[in-house]
Amino acid sequence: MVRDPSREEDPPSVDDVLDALADDDARRIVSSLSEPKTASDISEECDIPLSTTYRKLELLTEASLLSESTDIRRDGQHTTRYAVSFETVTVSLDEGDDVETDREFEIEFTRPDRTRDERLADLWSELREET
């Protein structure tokens, strides 16, 4: 199973993204993810309690900053791994029709290209959902 924020219909709010990035522990987690890792690995590497790590991972995932995938094992002990799901995040102030009142913040992500393995995992997940 893969949860990929780049494929979600509703983008996160500017507040959700900025709140996640304003958190020191959350930024440390993002910085540590040079490759997909489990919550336990992240907790140990970042020296953050595991319960706090799970809360931060949820915050980052909801803000579309991380993706999660599940490694399915025959023994039933599935493992979730987290990975950074963006290359850049840009916050801008959009000029609406009425420059005086319609200015709103917008958020835009630049996402990495999906690998062949990730695309195959998506197809497999979709197939499993249909059966």
C-alpha atoms as a PDB file:
ATOM      1  CA  MET A   1       0.000   0.000   0.000  1.00  0.00           C
ATOM      2  CA  VAL A   2       1.296   3.437  -0.925  1.00  0.00           C
ATOM      3  CA  ARG A   3       0.104   6.833   0.211  1.00  0.00           C
ATOM      4  CA  ASP A   4       1.438   9.354  -2.237  1.00  0.00           C
ATOM      5  CA  PRO A   5       0.503  12.995  -1.585  1.00  0.00           C
ATOM      6  CA  SER A   6       1.244  13.980  -5.163  1.00  0.00           C
ATOM      7  CA  ARG A   7      -1.744  11.896  -6.286  1.00  0.00           C
ATOM      8  CA  GLU A   8      -4.243  13.319  -3.781  1.00  0.00           C
ATOM      9  CA  GLU A   9      -7.040  15.461  -5.174  1.00  0.00           C
ATOM     10  CA  ASP A  10      -7.076  18.101  -2.434  1.00  0.00           C
ATOM     11  CA  PRO A  11      -3.744  19.802  -1.812  1.00  0.00           C
ATOM     12  CA  PRO A  12      -2.847  20.613   1.790  1.00  0.00           C
ATOM     13  CA  SER A  13      -3.616  24.037   3.157  1.00  0.00           C
ATOM     14  CA  VAL A  14      -0.857  26.611   3.393  1.00  0.00           C
ATOM     15  CA  ASP A  15      -1.357  26.582   7.180  1.00  0.00           C
ATOM     16  CA  ASP A  16      -0.828  22.802   7.389  1.00  0.00           C
ATOM     17  CA  VAL A  17       2.419  22.962   5.412  1.00  0.00           C
ATOM     18  CA  LEU A  18       3.802  25.963   7.277  1.00  0.00           C
ATOM     19  CA  ASP A  19       2.800  24.501  10.669  1.00  0.00           C
ATOM     20  CA  ALA A  20       4.606  21.268   9.822  1.00  0.00           C
ATOM     21  CA  LEU A  21       7.729  23.089   8.664  1.00  0.00           C
ATOM     22  CA  ALA A  22       7.703  25.374  11.715  1.00  0.00           C
ATOM     23  CA  ASP A  23       8.230  22.363  13.988  1.00  0.00           C
ATOM     24  CA  ASP A  24      11.903  21.679  14.821  1.00  0.00           C
ATOM     25  CA  ASP A  25      11.455  17.905  15.235  1.00  0.00           C
ATOM     26  CA  ALA A  26       9.478  17.657  11.987  1.00  0.00           C
ATOM     27  CA  ARG A  27      12.215  19.505  10.082  1.00  0.00           C
ATOM     28  CA  ARG A  28      14.821  17.210  11.627  1.00  0.00           C
ATOM     29  CA  ILE A  29      12.803  14.191  10.436  1.00  0.00           C
ATOM     30  CA  VAL A  30      12.566  15.537   6.876  1.00  0.00           C
ATOM     31  CA  SER A  31      16.307  16.259   6.855  1.00  0.00           C
ATOM     32  CA  SER A  32      17.090  12.708   7.998  1.00  0.00           C
ATOM     33  CA  LEU A  33      15.165  11.028   5.173  1.00  0.00           C
ATOM     34  CA  SER A  34      17.823  10.606   2.502  1.00  0.00           C
ATOM     35  CA  GLU A  35      16.112   7.261   1.835  1.00  0.00           C
ATOM     36  CA  PRO A  36      12.825   5.677   2.995  1.00  0.00           C
ATOM     37  CA  LYS A  37      12.916   4.720   6.680  1.00  0.00           C
ATOM     38  CA  THR A  38      10.662   3.215   9.320  1.00  0.00           C
ATOM     39  CA  ALA A  39       9.350   5.223  12.261  1.00  0.00           C
ATOM     40  CA  SER A  40      11.681   3.286  14.576  1.00  0.00           C
ATOM     41  CA  ASP A  41      14.702   4.113  12.436  1.00  0.00           C
ATOM     42  CA  ILE A  42      13.696   7.788  12.310  1.00  0.00           C
ATOM     43  CA  SER A  43      13.080   7.906  16.061  1.00  0.00           C
ATOM     44  CA  GLU A  44      16.495   6.431  16.796  1.00  0.00           C
ATOM     45  CA  GLU A  45      18.382   8.528  14.258  1.00  0.00           C
ATOM     46  CA  CYS A  46      16.729  11.812  15.280  1.00  0.00           C
ATOM     47  CA  ASP A  47      16.727  11.011  19.015  1.00  0.00           C
ATOM     48  CA  ILE A  48      12.982  11.699  19.260  1.00  0.00           C
ATOM     49  CA  PRO A  49      10.676   9.480  21.360  1.00  0.00           C
ATOM     50  CA  LEU A  50       8.777   6.997  19.188  1.00  0.00           C
ATOM     51  CA  SER A  51       5.342   8.327  20.207  1.00  0.00           C
ATOM     52  CA  THR A  52       6.418  11.857  19.242  1.00  0.00           C
ATOM     53  CA  THR A  53       7.918  10.549  16.001  1.00  0.00           C
ATOM     54  CA  TYR A  54       4.567   9.013  15.008  1.00  0.00           C
ATOM     55  CA  ARG A  55       2.776  12.324  15.687  1.00  0.00           C
ATOM     56  CA  LYS A  56       5.329  14.246  13.609  1.00  0.00           C
ATOM     57  CA  LEU A  57       5.133  11.705  10.785  1.00  0.00           C
ATOM     58  CA  GLU A  58       1.360  12.102  10.706  1.00  0.00           C
ATOM     59  CA  LEU A  59       1.713  15.903  10.664  1.00  0.00           C
ATOM     60  CA  LEU A  60       4.218  15.737   7.779  1.00  0.00           C
ATOM     61  CA  THR A  61       2.185  13.192   5.827  1.00  0.00           C
ATOM     62  CA  GLU A  62      -1.027  15.205   6.190  1.00  0.00           C
ATOM     63  CA  ALA A  63       0.867  18.252   4.915  1.00  0.00           C
ATOM     64  CA  SER A  64       1.937  16.239   1.817  1.00  0.00           C
ATOM     65  CA  LEU A  65       5.597  16.558   2.744  1.00  0.00           C
ATOM     66  CA  LEU A  66       6.111  12.812   3.247  1.00  0.00           C
ATOM     67  CA  SER A  67       4.767   9.751   1.511  1.00  0.00           C
ATOM     68  CA  GLU A  68       4.333   6.401   3.162  1.00  0.00           C
ATOM     69  CA  SER A  69       4.533   2.915   1.741  1.00  0.00           C
ATOM     70  CA  THR A  70       3.941  -0.457   3.317  1.00  0.00           C
ATOM     71  CA  ASP A  71       6.289  -3.387   2.852  1.00  0.00           C
ATOM     72  CA  ILE A  72       4.062  -6.471   2.790  1.00  0.00           C
ATOM     73  CA  ARG A  73       5.619  -9.510   4.457  1.00  0.00           C
ATOM     74  CA  ARG A  74       4.436 -13.093   4.405  1.00  0.00           C
ATOM     75  CA  ASP A  75       4.666 -13.330   8.191  1.00  0.00           C
ATOM     76  CA  GLY A  76       2.079 -10.546   8.547  1.00  0.00           C
ATOM     77  CA  GLN A  77       4.529  -8.099  10.157  1.00  0.00           C
ATOM     78  CA  HIS A  78       4.078  -5.310   7.623  1.00  0.00           C
ATOM     79  CA  THR A  79       6.407  -2.332   7.807  1.00  0.00           C
ATOM     80  CA  THR A  80       5.588   1.261   6.919  1.00  0.00           C
ATOM     81  CA  ARG A  81       8.369   3.374   5.475  1.00  0.00           C
ATOM     82  CA  TYR A  82       8.366   7.141   5.106  1.00  0.00           C
ATOM     83  CA  ALA A  83      10.049   9.168   2.375  1.00  0.00           C
ATOM     84  CA  VAL A  84      10.274  12.826   1.407  1.00  0.00           C
ATOM     85  CA  SER A  85       7.677  13.514  -1.285  1.00  0.00           C
ATOM     86  CA  PHE A  86       8.885  16.871  -2.597  1.00  0.00           C
ATOM     87  CA  GLU A  87      11.914  18.506  -4.105  1.00  0.00           C
ATOM     88  CA  THR A  88      10.823  22.089  -3.431  1.00  0.00           C
ATOM     89  CA  VAL A  89       7.954  23.841  -1.667  1.00  0.00           C
ATOM     90  CA  THR A  90       7.125  27.361  -2.808  1.00  0.00           C
ATOM     91  CA  VAL A  91       4.879  29.740  -0.901  1.00  0.00           C
ATOM     92  CA  SER A  92       3.646  32.696  -2.905  1.00  0.00           C
ATOM     93  CA  LEU A  93       1.219  35.557  -2.546  1.00  0.00           C
ATOM     94  CA  ASP A  94      -1.298  35.357  -5.368  1.00  0.00           C
ATOM     95  CA  GLU A  95      -2.658  38.563  -6.831  1.00  0.00           C
ATOM     96  CA  GLY A  96      -6.421  38.161  -7.196  1.00  0.00           C
ATOM     97  CA  ASP A  97      -8.803  40.257  -9.285  1.00  0.00           C
ATOM     98  CA  ASP A  98      -8.859  43.017  -6.671  1.00  0.00           C
ATOM     99  CA  VAL A  99      -5.249  43.531  -5.581  1.00  0.00           C
ATOM    100  CA  GLU A 100      -6.376  45.272  -2.387  1.00  0.00           C
ATOM    101  CA  THR A 101      -8.580  42.459  -1.021  1.00  0.00           C
ATOM    102  CA  ASP A 102      -8.066  39.235  -3.002  1.00  0.00           C
ATOM    103  CA  ARG A 103      -4.449  38.439  -2.168  1.00  0.00           C
ATOM    104  CA  GLU A 104      -4.027  34.896  -0.871  1.00  0.00           C
ATOM    105  CA  PHE A 105      -1.097  32.680  -0.037  1.00  0.00           C
ATOM    106  CA  GLU A 106      -0.621  29.674  -2.281  1.00  0.00           C
ATOM    107  CA  ILE A 107       1.587  26.654  -1.923  1.00  0.00           C
ATOM    108  CA  GLU A 108       3.185  24.734  -4.780  1.00  0.00           C
ATOM    109  CA  PHE A 109       5.218  21.541  -4.664  1.00  0.00           C
ATOM    110  CA  THR A 110       7.816  20.280  -7.082  1.00  0.00           C
ATOM    111  CA  ARG A 111       7.697  16.491  -6.829  1.00  0.00           C
ATOM    112  CA  PRO A 112      10.359  13.956  -7.822  1.00  0.00           C
ATOM    113  CA  ASP A 113       9.593  11.666 -10.738  1.00  0.00           C
ATOM    114  CA  ARG A 114       8.111   8.357  -9.660  1.00  0.00           C
ATOM    115  CA  THR A 115      10.329   5.327 -10.126  1.00  0.00           C
ATOM    116  CA  ARG A 116       9.244   2.269 -12.061  1.00  0.00           C
ATOM    117  CA  ASP A 117       8.958   0.330  -8.775  1.00  0.00           C
ATOM    118  CA  GLU A 118       6.691   3.016  -7.292  1.00  0.00           C
ATOM    119  CA  ARG A 119       4.441   2.995 -10.344  1.00  0.00           C
ATOM    120  CA  LEU A 120       4.262  -0.807 -10.212  1.00  0.00           C
ATOM    121  CA  ALA A 121       3.387  -0.696  -6.496  1.00  0.00           C
ATOM    122  CA  ASP A 122       0.581   1.760  -7.278  1.00  0.00           C
ATOM    123  CA  LEU A 123      -0.806  -0.528  -9.967  1.00  0.00           C
ATOM    124  CA  TRP A 124      -0.624  -3.517  -7.637  1.00  0.00           C
ATOM    125  CA  SER A 125      -2.418  -1.606  -4.868  1.00  0.00           C
ATOM    126  CA  GLU A 126      -5.164  -0.521  -7.255  1.00  0.00           C
ATOM    127  CA  LEU A 127      -5.576  -4.082  -8.503  1.00  0.00           C
ATOM    128  CA  ARG A 128      -5.842  -5.430  -4.956  1.00  0.00           C
ATOM    129  CA  GLU A 129      -8.502  -2.818  -4.097  1.00  0.00           C
ATOM    130  CA  GLU A 130     -10.617  -3.909  -7.075  1.00  0.00           C
ATOM    131  CA  THR A 131     -10.557  -7.598  -6.164  1.00  0.00           C
END
